[in-house]
Amino acid sequence: MDCEARAQPLRVRLMPPGSMALLRRDDKGKAETDGRWQDVRAFMSRLPTPLRKGPHHVVRAVTLIRSASLSDVAEYAYAATAPAESRLIFLAGACPLNEDGSTAEIGDYAGQAAKAIENMRVALAASGASLQDVISTRVLVASDRREDLVTAWQVVRDAFADHDVPSTLLGVTVLGYQDQLVEIEAVAAVLDS
């Protein structure tokens, strides 16, 4: 099926895994999926990579996998795959460190999560990748308060936007650097040309 960007949005319904049926064009820019309405761009981002070829789409190695048998409450895909020919990039935990090695945003979970994401972007770029190439994350938060974990998670979730990779959010006792509250581990996969 050709899913290239069109002048008019499409109305689509997800069928059993691996199949899809085109229902009709919709002038409101919405697509019907699993009985819920979503923006077409968000819907298209959830299609397997080979189906998401638009005029500005870069083919990515990562395919996010969802199952209708699992809750959609989680704000991430439950699994992800990359083809065998992908180059995997294993990142050290991204820490909220400034260039001089000092801990950024002391006492601020959101600020430290943002700095960790910023540092992760730098490490990914140095590896020839971006956040869109990440296949999974693990977010470590030094707190036993769910509110602190959620604060850090929201920053990470917002940074990844529609590329909602499988993730684990953990509360831990302590992290490695003085005053460190957040660390983000990631694995990425890229297709080199």
N, C-alpha and C. Protein backbone atom coordinates (compact mmCIF):
# COMPACT_ATOMS: atom_id res chain seq x y z
N MET A 1 0.84 -1.18 0.00
CA MET A 1 0.00 0.00 0.00
C MET A 1 0.89 1.24 0.00
N ASP A 2 0.57 2.20 -0.81
CA ASP A 2 1.33 3.44 -0.89
C ASP A 2 0.77 4.42 0.13
N CYS A 3 1.60 4.79 1.12
CA CYS A 3 1.15 5.71 2.18
C CYS A 3 1.86 7.04 2.08
N GLU A 4 2.22 7.47 0.89
CA GLU A 4 2.91 8.75 0.76
C GLU A 4 1.99 9.88 1.16
N ALA A 5 2.61 10.98 1.58
CA ALA A 5 1.82 12.15 1.98
C ALA A 5 0.93 12.59 0.83
N ARG A 6 -0.30 12.92 1.14
CA ARG A 6 -1.27 13.34 0.12
C ARG A 6 -1.80 14.73 0.47
N ALA A 7 -2.43 15.35 -0.49
CA ALA A 7 -3.00 16.67 -0.26
C ALA A 7 -4.11 16.60 0.79
N GLN A 8 -4.87 15.50 0.77
CA GLN A 8 -5.93 15.33 1.75
C GLN A 8 -5.53 14.23 2.73
N PRO A 9 -5.89 14.38 4.00
CA PRO A 9 -5.60 13.33 4.98
C PRO A 9 -6.37 12.06 4.66
N LEU A 10 -5.94 10.95 5.22
CA LEU A 10 -6.59 9.67 5.01
C LEU A 10 -7.32 9.24 6.27
N ARG A 11 -8.39 8.50 6.09
CA ARG A 11 -9.07 7.88 7.21
C ARG A 11 -8.74 6.40 7.13
N VAL A 12 -8.13 5.88 8.19
CA VAL A 12 -7.61 4.52 8.18
C VAL A 12 -8.03 3.80 9.45
N ARG A 13 -8.27 2.51 9.37
CA ARG A 13 -8.56 1.70 10.56
C ARG A 13 -7.52 0.60 10.65
N LEU A 14 -6.92 0.46 11.85
CA LEU A 14 -5.96 -0.63 12.06
C LEU A 14 -6.73 -1.94 12.12
N MET A 15 -6.16 -2.94 11.50
CA MET A 15 -6.74 -4.28 11.48
C MET A 15 -5.81 -5.19 12.26
N PRO A 16 -5.98 -6.50 12.18
CA PRO A 16 -5.06 -7.39 12.90
C PRO A 16 -3.61 -7.07 12.56
N PRO A 17 -2.66 -7.40 13.46
CA PRO A 17 -1.25 -7.08 13.23
C PRO A 17 -0.82 -7.45 11.82
N GLY A 18 -0.10 -6.51 11.19
CA GLY A 18 0.44 -6.74 9.86
C GLY A 18 -0.50 -6.39 8.72
N SER A 19 -1.74 -5.99 9.00
CA SER A 19 -2.65 -5.64 7.91
C SER A 19 -3.26 -4.28 8.19
N MET A 20 -3.75 -3.62 7.14
CA MET A 20 -4.34 -2.30 7.28
C MET A 20 -5.34 -2.10 6.15
N ALA A 21 -6.43 -1.42 6.41
CA ALA A 21 -7.43 -1.19 5.37
C ALA A 21 -7.71 0.29 5.26
N LEU A 22 -7.70 0.82 4.03
CA LEU A 22 -8.02 2.21 3.77
C LEU A 22 -9.54 2.35 3.73
N LEU A 23 -10.10 3.24 4.54
CA LEU A 23 -11.54 3.39 4.56
C LEU A 23 -12.01 4.52 3.64
N ARG A 24 -11.51 5.73 3.84
CA ARG A 24 -11.88 6.85 2.97
C ARG A 24 -11.08 8.08 3.36
N ARG A 25 -11.05 9.07 2.48
CA ARG A 25 -10.40 10.33 2.79
C ARG A 25 -11.26 11.10 3.78
N ASP A 26 -10.60 11.88 4.63
CA ASP A 26 -11.31 12.66 5.63
C ASP A 26 -10.79 14.08 5.57
N ASP A 27 -11.66 15.06 5.38
CA ASP A 27 -11.23 16.46 5.26
C ASP A 27 -10.95 17.11 6.61
N LYS A 28 -11.09 16.37 7.71
CA LYS A 28 -10.84 16.94 9.04
C LYS A 28 -9.44 16.62 9.56
N GLY A 29 -8.63 15.87 8.78
CA GLY A 29 -7.27 15.58 9.20
C GLY A 29 -7.19 14.56 10.32
N LYS A 30 -8.15 13.71 10.45
CA LYS A 30 -8.15 12.70 11.50
C LYS A 30 -8.15 11.31 10.88
N ALA A 31 -7.60 10.33 11.63
CA ALA A 31 -7.62 8.94 11.20
C ALA A 31 -8.26 8.11 12.32
N GLU A 32 -9.10 7.17 11.96
CA GLU A 32 -9.71 6.33 12.97
C GLU A 32 -8.82 5.13 13.22
N THR A 33 -8.42 4.94 14.47
CA THR A 33 -7.57 3.80 14.82
C THR A 33 -8.08 3.18 16.10
N ASP A 34 -8.33 1.88 16.07
CA ASP A 34 -8.83 1.17 17.25
C ASP A 34 -10.01 1.89 17.89
N GLY A 35 -10.88 2.52 17.10
CA GLY A 35 -12.05 3.17 17.63
C GLY A 35 -11.81 4.56 18.20
N ARG A 36 -10.56 5.03 18.20
CA ARG A 36 -10.25 6.36 18.72
C ARG A 36 -9.80 7.24 17.55
N TRP A 37 -9.93 8.55 17.70
CA TRP A 37 -9.49 9.49 16.68
C TRP A 37 -8.12 10.02 17.05
N GLN A 38 -7.22 10.10 16.07
CA GLN A 38 -5.88 10.63 16.28
C GLN A 38 -5.52 11.51 15.10
N ASP A 39 -4.59 12.42 15.32
CA ASP A 39 -4.05 13.21 14.24
C ASP A 39 -3.33 12.28 13.25
N VAL A 40 -3.45 12.52 11.96
CA VAL A 40 -2.87 11.64 10.95
C VAL A 40 -1.35 11.53 11.12
N ARG A 41 -0.66 12.63 11.45
CA ARG A 41 0.80 12.54 11.63
C ARG A 41 1.16 11.58 12.74
N ALA A 42 0.43 11.64 13.85
CA ALA A 42 0.69 10.72 14.96
C ALA A 42 0.42 9.28 14.53
N PHE A 43 -0.66 9.09 13.77
CA PHE A 43 -0.99 7.76 13.28
C PHE A 43 0.11 7.25 12.34
N MET A 44 0.54 8.09 11.41
CA MET A 44 1.57 7.68 10.45
C MET A 44 2.88 7.34 11.17
N SER A 45 3.20 8.03 12.26
CA SER A 45 4.44 7.74 12.97
C SER A 45 4.41 6.37 13.61
N ARG A 46 3.23 5.79 13.76
CA ARG A 46 3.11 4.48 14.37
C ARG A 46 3.10 3.34 13.36
N LEU A 47 3.11 3.66 12.08
CA LEU A 47 3.16 2.62 11.06
C LEU A 47 4.58 2.06 10.97
N PRO A 48 4.72 0.80 10.55
CA PRO A 48 6.07 0.27 10.35
C PRO A 48 6.85 1.15 9.38
N THR A 49 8.14 1.29 9.61
CA THR A 49 9.00 2.19 8.83
C THR A 49 8.79 2.08 7.32
N PRO A 50 8.72 0.87 6.72
CA PRO A 50 8.58 0.82 5.26
C PRO A 50 7.32 1.50 4.73
N LEU A 51 6.28 1.65 5.57
CA LEU A 51 5.05 2.29 5.12
C LEU A 51 5.07 3.81 5.28
N ARG A 52 6.07 4.36 6.01
CA ARG A 52 6.10 5.79 6.30
C ARG A 52 7.02 6.54 5.35
N LYS A 53 6.89 6.36 4.07
CA LYS A 53 7.76 7.05 3.14
C LYS A 53 7.04 8.26 2.57
N GLY A 54 7.38 9.40 3.06
CA GLY A 54 6.81 10.65 2.58
C GLY A 54 7.91 11.47 1.95
N PRO A 55 7.59 12.63 1.42
CA PRO A 55 8.58 13.44 0.73
C PRO A 55 9.71 13.93 1.65
N HIS A 56 9.46 14.04 2.96
CA HIS A 56 10.49 14.53 3.87
C HIS A 56 10.89 13.46 4.88
N HIS A 57 10.53 12.22 4.61
CA HIS A 57 10.80 11.15 5.56
C HIS A 57 12.17 10.52 5.31
N VAL A 58 12.95 10.42 6.36
CA VAL A 58 14.22 9.71 6.31
C VAL A 58 13.95 8.30 6.79
N VAL A 59 14.36 7.30 6.02
CA VAL A 59 14.13 5.92 6.43
C VAL A 59 14.98 5.65 7.67
N ARG A 60 14.35 5.16 8.70
CA ARG A 60 15.01 4.88 9.97
C ARG A 60 15.08 3.38 10.19
N ALA A 61 16.02 2.96 11.00
CA ALA A 61 16.19 1.54 11.30
C ALA A 61 15.17 1.05 12.32
N VAL A 62 14.69 1.93 13.18
CA VAL A 62 13.85 1.54 14.31
C VAL A 62 12.38 1.43 13.91
N THR A 63 11.77 0.31 14.25
CA THR A 63 10.33 0.12 14.09
C THR A 63 9.73 -0.08 15.47
N LEU A 64 8.83 0.80 15.87
CA LEU A 64 8.16 0.68 17.16
C LEU A 64 6.99 -0.29 17.02
N ILE A 65 6.79 -1.12 18.03
CA ILE A 65 5.76 -2.16 17.96
C ILE A 65 4.77 -1.96 19.09
N ARG A 66 3.49 -2.03 18.74
CA ARG A 66 2.41 -1.92 19.70
C ARG A 66 1.51 -3.14 19.56
N SER A 67 0.81 -3.47 20.62
CA SER A 67 -0.11 -4.61 20.58
C SER A 67 -1.46 -4.14 21.10
N ALA A 68 -2.50 -4.47 20.36
CA ALA A 68 -3.85 -4.14 20.80
C ALA A 68 -4.24 -4.93 22.05
N SER A 69 -3.46 -5.97 22.36
CA SER A 69 -3.73 -6.80 23.54
C SER A 69 -3.18 -6.20 24.82
N LEU A 70 -2.37 -5.13 24.71
CA LEU A 70 -1.78 -4.48 25.88
C LEU A 70 -2.39 -3.09 26.06
N SER A 71 -2.38 -2.60 27.27
CA SER A 71 -2.96 -1.30 27.59
C SER A 71 -2.30 -0.19 26.78
N ASP A 72 -3.09 0.79 26.37
CA ASP A 72 -2.55 1.96 25.67
C ASP A 72 -2.33 3.11 26.64
N VAL A 73 -2.41 2.87 27.93
CA VAL A 73 -2.18 3.90 28.95
C VAL A 73 -0.71 4.31 28.98
N ALA A 74 0.19 3.34 28.78
CA ALA A 74 1.62 3.64 28.78
C ALA A 74 1.95 4.59 27.63
N GLU A 75 2.82 5.56 27.89
CA GLU A 75 3.17 6.57 26.88
C GLU A 75 4.40 6.17 26.09
N TYR A 76 4.46 4.90 25.69
CA TYR A 76 5.59 4.40 24.92
C TYR A 76 5.18 3.10 24.24
N ALA A 77 5.93 2.73 23.21
CA ALA A 77 5.72 1.44 22.55
C ALA A 77 6.22 0.35 23.50
N TYR A 78 5.65 -0.82 23.40
CA TYR A 78 6.06 -1.92 24.27
C TYR A 78 7.28 -2.67 23.74
N ALA A 79 7.59 -2.51 22.47
CA ALA A 79 8.75 -3.19 21.87
C ALA A 79 9.24 -2.38 20.68
N ALA A 80 10.45 -2.69 20.24
CA ALA A 80 11.01 -2.05 19.04
C ALA A 80 11.96 -3.04 18.40
N THR A 81 12.09 -2.93 17.08
CA THR A 81 13.02 -3.78 16.35
C THR A 81 13.89 -2.93 15.44
N ALA A 82 14.99 -3.53 15.01
CA ALA A 82 15.87 -2.93 14.01
C ALA A 82 16.38 -4.07 13.14
N PRO A 83 16.53 -3.83 11.84
CA PRO A 83 17.00 -4.91 10.96
C PRO A 83 18.44 -5.32 11.28
N ALA A 84 18.80 -6.52 10.88
CA ALA A 84 20.13 -7.08 11.17
C ALA A 84 21.26 -6.20 10.66
N GLU A 85 21.03 -5.48 9.57
CA GLU A 85 22.10 -4.65 8.99
C GLU A 85 22.28 -3.30 9.71
N SER A 86 21.52 -3.06 10.76
CA SER A 86 21.65 -1.82 11.52
C SER A 86 22.95 -1.77 12.30
N ARG A 87 23.46 -0.55 12.48
CA ARG A 87 24.60 -0.32 13.38
C ARG A 87 24.01 0.10 14.71
N LEU A 88 24.28 -0.68 15.76
CA LEU A 88 23.77 -0.36 17.08
C LEU A 88 24.72 0.59 17.79
N ILE A 89 24.15 1.53 18.53
CA ILE A 89 24.92 2.51 19.30
C ILE A 89 24.48 2.38 20.76
N PHE A 90 25.41 2.00 21.62
CA PHE A 90 25.12 1.83 23.04
C PHE A 90 25.68 3.05 23.76
N LEU A 91 24.79 3.86 24.30
CA LEU A 91 25.21 5.09 24.97
C LEU A 91 25.45 4.84 26.46
N ALA A 92 26.47 5.47 26.98
CA ALA A 92 26.63 5.51 28.44
C ALA A 92 25.46 6.30 28.98
N GLY A 93 25.16 6.15 30.24
CA GLY A 93 24.07 6.94 30.82
C GLY A 93 24.34 8.42 30.63
N ALA A 94 23.37 9.11 30.04
CA ALA A 94 23.49 10.56 29.85
C ALA A 94 23.21 11.23 31.19
N CYS A 95 24.18 11.98 31.66
CA CYS A 95 24.10 12.63 32.96
C CYS A 95 23.89 14.14 32.80
N PRO A 96 23.36 14.79 33.82
CA PRO A 96 23.13 16.24 33.76
C PRO A 96 24.39 17.02 34.12
N LEU A 97 25.45 16.81 33.34
CA LEU A 97 26.72 17.47 33.63
C LEU A 97 26.98 18.62 32.67
N ASN A 98 27.51 19.71 33.21
CA ASN A 98 27.96 20.83 32.39
C ASN A 98 29.31 20.46 31.77
N GLU A 99 29.77 21.26 30.81
CA GLU A 99 31.05 20.99 30.15
C GLU A 99 32.22 20.93 31.13
N ASP A 100 32.15 21.68 32.23
CA ASP A 100 33.24 21.68 33.21
C ASP A 100 33.15 20.50 34.19
N GLY A 101 32.15 19.62 34.02
CA GLY A 101 32.00 18.45 34.87
C GLY A 101 31.12 18.66 36.09
N SER A 102 30.66 19.88 36.31
CA SER A 102 29.79 20.15 37.45
C SER A 102 28.37 19.68 37.13
N THR A 103 27.62 19.36 38.16
CA THR A 103 26.24 18.92 37.99
C THR A 103 25.36 20.13 37.73
N ALA A 104 24.56 20.04 36.69
CA ALA A 104 23.64 21.13 36.31
C ALA A 104 22.35 21.05 37.12
N GLU A 105 21.71 22.18 37.28
CA GLU A 105 20.34 22.25 37.82
C GLU A 105 20.19 21.47 39.13
N ILE A 106 21.04 21.74 40.09
CA ILE A 106 21.01 21.03 41.38
C ILE A 106 19.64 21.17 42.04
N GLY A 107 19.09 20.02 42.45
CA GLY A 107 17.79 19.99 43.12
C GLY A 107 16.58 20.04 42.21
N ASP A 108 16.78 20.09 40.89
CA ASP A 108 15.70 20.27 39.92
C ASP A 108 15.60 19.04 39.01
N TYR A 109 14.60 18.19 39.25
CA TYR A 109 14.44 16.96 38.47
C TYR A 109 14.20 17.26 36.99
N ALA A 110 13.33 18.21 36.69
CA ALA A 110 13.04 18.56 35.30
C ALA A 110 14.27 19.16 34.63
N GLY A 111 14.96 20.05 35.32
CA GLY A 111 16.16 20.68 34.76
C GLY A 111 17.25 19.67 34.49
N GLN A 112 17.44 18.71 35.41
CA GLN A 112 18.46 17.69 35.19
C GLN A 112 18.07 16.74 34.06
N ALA A 113 16.80 16.41 33.95
CA ALA A 113 16.35 15.56 32.84
C ALA A 113 16.60 16.27 31.51
N ALA A 114 16.32 17.56 31.44
CA ALA A 114 16.55 18.33 30.21
C ALA A 114 18.03 18.38 29.86
N LYS A 115 18.90 18.57 30.85
CA LYS A 115 20.34 18.60 30.60
C LYS A 115 20.83 17.22 30.15
N ALA A 116 20.30 16.15 30.75
CA ALA A 116 20.68 14.80 30.33
C ALA A 116 20.26 14.54 28.88
N ILE A 117 19.06 15.00 28.50
CA ILE A 117 18.61 14.86 27.11
C ILE A 117 19.52 15.67 26.18
N GLU A 118 19.88 16.87 26.58
CA GLU A 118 20.79 17.70 25.78
C GLU A 118 22.12 16.97 25.56
N ASN A 119 22.67 16.39 26.63
CA ASN A 119 23.94 15.66 26.51
C ASN A 119 23.78 14.39 25.68
N MET A 120 22.61 13.74 25.79
CA MET A 120 22.34 12.55 24.97
C MET A 120 22.31 12.93 23.49
N ARG A 121 21.69 14.06 23.16
CA ARG A 121 21.66 14.51 21.76
C ARG A 121 23.07 14.71 21.22
N VAL A 122 23.96 15.26 22.04
CA VAL A 122 25.35 15.49 21.61
C VAL A 122 26.04 14.15 21.35
N ALA A 123 25.88 13.20 22.27
CA ALA A 123 26.50 11.88 22.11
C ALA A 123 25.93 11.16 20.89
N LEU A 124 24.63 11.27 20.67
CA LEU A 124 24.02 10.65 19.49
C LEU A 124 24.55 11.28 18.20
N ALA A 125 24.62 12.60 18.17
CA ALA A 125 25.12 13.29 16.98
C ALA A 125 26.56 12.88 16.68
N ALA A 126 27.38 12.73 17.71
CA ALA A 126 28.76 12.30 17.52
C ALA A 126 28.84 10.87 16.97
N SER A 127 27.75 10.12 17.16
CA SER A 127 27.68 8.74 16.67
C SER A 127 26.95 8.64 15.34
N GLY A 128 26.52 9.78 14.79
CA GLY A 128 25.79 9.77 13.53
C GLY A 128 24.32 9.42 13.69
N ALA A 129 23.74 9.79 14.83
CA ALA A 129 22.35 9.44 15.11
C ALA A 129 21.63 10.63 15.75
N SER A 130 20.34 10.43 16.01
CA SER A 130 19.51 11.45 16.68
C SER A 130 18.53 10.73 17.61
N LEU A 131 17.73 11.49 18.31
CA LEU A 131 16.72 10.88 19.19
C LEU A 131 15.79 9.95 18.40
N GLN A 132 15.54 10.27 17.13
CA GLN A 132 14.65 9.45 16.30
C GLN A 132 15.23 8.07 16.00
N ASP A 133 16.52 7.86 16.28
CA ASP A 133 17.18 6.58 16.05
C ASP A 133 17.27 5.73 17.32
N VAL A 134 16.81 6.28 18.45
CA VAL A 134 16.86 5.54 19.71
C VAL A 134 15.85 4.41 19.67
N ILE A 135 16.27 3.22 20.13
CA ILE A 135 15.41 2.05 20.11
C ILE A 135 14.86 1.72 21.50
N SER A 136 15.54 2.18 22.57
CA SER A 136 15.03 1.99 23.92
C SER A 136 15.74 2.91 24.90
N THR A 137 15.06 3.21 26.01
CA THR A 137 15.68 4.03 27.05
C THR A 137 15.40 3.44 28.43
N ARG A 138 16.24 3.84 29.36
CA ARG A 138 16.03 3.54 30.78
C ARG A 138 16.30 4.85 31.51
N VAL A 139 15.30 5.35 32.23
CA VAL A 139 15.41 6.62 32.93
C VAL A 139 15.54 6.32 34.42
N LEU A 140 16.67 6.74 34.99
CA LEU A 140 16.95 6.52 36.41
C LEU A 140 16.78 7.83 37.15
N VAL A 141 15.99 7.80 38.23
CA VAL A 141 15.71 9.00 39.01
C VAL A 141 16.00 8.70 40.48
N ALA A 142 16.88 9.50 41.08
CA ALA A 142 17.25 9.30 42.48
C ALA A 142 16.17 9.88 43.38
N SER A 143 15.14 9.06 43.62
CA SER A 143 14.04 9.48 44.47
C SER A 143 13.15 8.27 44.76
N ASP A 144 12.47 8.32 45.89
CA ASP A 144 11.46 7.31 46.18
C ASP A 144 10.05 7.91 46.07
N ARG A 145 9.98 9.12 45.49
CA ARG A 145 8.69 9.80 45.31
C ARG A 145 8.25 9.70 43.84
N ARG A 146 7.08 9.11 43.63
CA ARG A 146 6.56 8.95 42.28
C ARG A 146 6.47 10.29 41.55
N GLU A 147 6.16 11.38 42.25
CA GLU A 147 6.04 12.70 41.63
C GLU A 147 7.36 13.12 40.98
N ASP A 148 8.48 12.81 41.63
CA ASP A 148 9.79 13.16 41.08
C ASP A 148 10.08 12.34 39.82
N LEU A 149 9.73 11.06 39.85
CA LEU A 149 9.91 10.21 38.68
C LEU A 149 9.09 10.73 37.51
N VAL A 150 7.84 11.09 37.78
CA VAL A 150 6.95 11.60 36.73
C VAL A 150 7.47 12.92 36.17
N THR A 151 8.00 13.78 37.03
CA THR A 151 8.56 15.06 36.58
C THR A 151 9.69 14.84 35.58
N ALA A 152 10.62 13.95 35.91
CA ALA A 152 11.73 13.65 35.01
C ALA A 152 11.21 12.97 33.75
N TRP A 153 10.29 12.02 33.91
CA TRP A 153 9.75 11.28 32.76
C TRP A 153 9.08 12.22 31.77
N GLN A 154 8.33 13.19 32.24
CA GLN A 154 7.62 14.09 31.33
C GLN A 154 8.58 14.85 30.43
N VAL A 155 9.73 15.25 30.96
CA VAL A 155 10.74 15.94 30.15
C VAL A 155 11.27 15.00 29.07
N VAL A 156 11.56 13.77 29.46
CA VAL A 156 12.07 12.77 28.50
C VAL A 156 11.00 12.49 27.45
N ARG A 157 9.78 12.27 27.87
CA ARG A 157 8.67 11.96 26.95
C ARG A 157 8.46 13.10 25.97
N ASP A 158 8.50 14.33 26.44
CA ASP A 158 8.32 15.48 25.56
C ASP A 158 9.45 15.58 24.54
N ALA A 159 10.67 15.27 24.97
CA ALA A 159 11.82 15.35 24.05
C ALA A 159 11.70 14.33 22.92
N PHE A 160 11.18 13.15 23.21
CA PHE A 160 11.04 12.11 22.20
C PHE A 160 9.78 12.29 21.35
N ALA A 161 8.82 13.06 21.82
CA ALA A 161 7.58 13.37 21.08
C ALA A 161 6.92 12.10 20.55
N ASP A 162 6.65 12.04 19.24
CA ASP A 162 5.97 10.89 18.64
C ASP A 162 6.83 9.64 18.56
N HIS A 163 8.13 9.78 18.74
CA HIS A 163 9.03 8.62 18.72
C HIS A 163 9.10 8.05 20.14
N ASP A 164 8.00 7.44 20.55
CA ASP A 164 7.83 6.99 21.93
C ASP A 164 8.37 5.58 22.13
N VAL A 165 9.69 5.50 22.23
CA VAL A 165 10.41 4.22 22.31
C VAL A 165 10.09 3.46 23.59
N PRO A 166 10.29 2.13 23.58
CA PRO A 166 10.14 1.37 24.81
C PRO A 166 11.05 1.96 25.89
N SER A 167 10.52 2.15 27.08
CA SER A 167 11.27 2.81 28.14
C SER A 167 10.95 2.17 29.48
N THR A 168 11.92 2.28 30.37
CA THR A 168 11.73 1.87 31.76
C THR A 168 12.08 3.06 32.64
N LEU A 169 11.22 3.37 33.59
CA LEU A 169 11.43 4.46 34.53
C LEU A 169 11.65 3.85 35.90
N LEU A 170 12.83 4.15 36.49
CA LEU A 170 13.19 3.55 37.77
C LEU A 170 13.53 4.60 38.81
N GLY A 171 13.05 4.39 40.02
CA GLY A 171 13.50 5.18 41.16
C GLY A 171 14.68 4.45 41.78
N VAL A 172 15.78 5.15 41.99
CA VAL A 172 16.98 4.53 42.56
C VAL A 172 17.40 5.31 43.80
N THR A 173 18.28 4.70 44.59
CA THR A 173 18.72 5.33 45.83
C THR A 173 19.67 6.48 45.59
N VAL A 174 20.67 6.27 44.73
CA VAL A 174 21.69 7.29 44.50
C VAL A 174 22.28 7.10 43.10
N LEU A 175 22.75 8.18 42.51
CA LEU A 175 23.44 8.12 41.22
C LEU A 175 24.88 8.57 41.41
N GLY A 176 25.71 8.39 40.40
CA GLY A 176 27.15 8.51 40.54
C GLY A 176 27.78 9.86 40.84
N TYR A 177 27.19 10.94 40.37
CA TYR A 177 27.81 12.26 40.57
C TYR A 177 27.16 13.00 41.74
N GLN A 178 27.94 13.87 42.34
CA GLN A 178 27.45 14.69 43.45
C GLN A 178 26.21 15.47 43.00
N ASP A 179 25.14 15.42 43.75
CA ASP A 179 23.88 16.14 43.49
C ASP A 179 23.14 15.67 42.24
N GLN A 180 23.53 14.53 41.68
CA GLN A 180 22.86 14.02 40.48
C GLN A 180 21.52 13.38 40.85
N LEU A 181 20.47 13.75 40.11
CA LEU A 181 19.13 13.23 40.35
C LEU A 181 18.61 12.38 39.19
N VAL A 182 19.15 12.58 37.97
CA VAL A 182 18.62 11.91 36.77
C VAL A 182 19.76 11.39 35.91
N GLU A 183 19.53 10.21 35.32
CA GLU A 183 20.45 9.65 34.32
C GLU A 183 19.60 8.90 33.31
N ILE A 184 19.95 8.98 32.04
CA ILE A 184 19.16 8.34 30.99
C ILE A 184 20.05 7.46 30.13
N GLU A 185 19.79 6.17 30.14
CA GLU A 185 20.50 5.21 29.29
C GLU A 185 19.72 5.05 27.99
N ALA A 186 20.44 4.77 26.90
CA ALA A 186 19.75 4.57 25.62
C ALA A 186 20.56 3.66 24.71
N VAL A 187 19.85 3.02 23.80
CA VAL A 187 20.44 2.26 22.70
C VAL A 187 19.80 2.81 21.44
N ALA A 188 20.61 3.03 20.41
CA ALA A 188 20.10 3.54 19.12
C ALA A 188 20.48 2.57 18.01
N ALA A 189 19.80 2.67 16.89
CA ALA A 189 20.12 1.85 15.71
C ALA A 189 20.01 2.73 14.47
N VAL A 190 21.04 2.65 13.62
CA VAL A 190 21.03 3.45 12.39
C VAL A 190 21.36 2.55 11.18
N LEU A 191 20.88 2.98 10.05
CA LEU A 191 21.20 2.33 8.78
C LEU A 191 22.23 3.21 8.07
N ASP A 192 23.47 2.74 7.98
CA ASP A 192 24.49 3.50 7.28
C ASP A 192 24.36 3.26 5.78
N SER A 193 24.58 4.33 4.99
CA SER A 193 24.48 4.15 3.54
C SER A 193 25.77 3.69 2.94
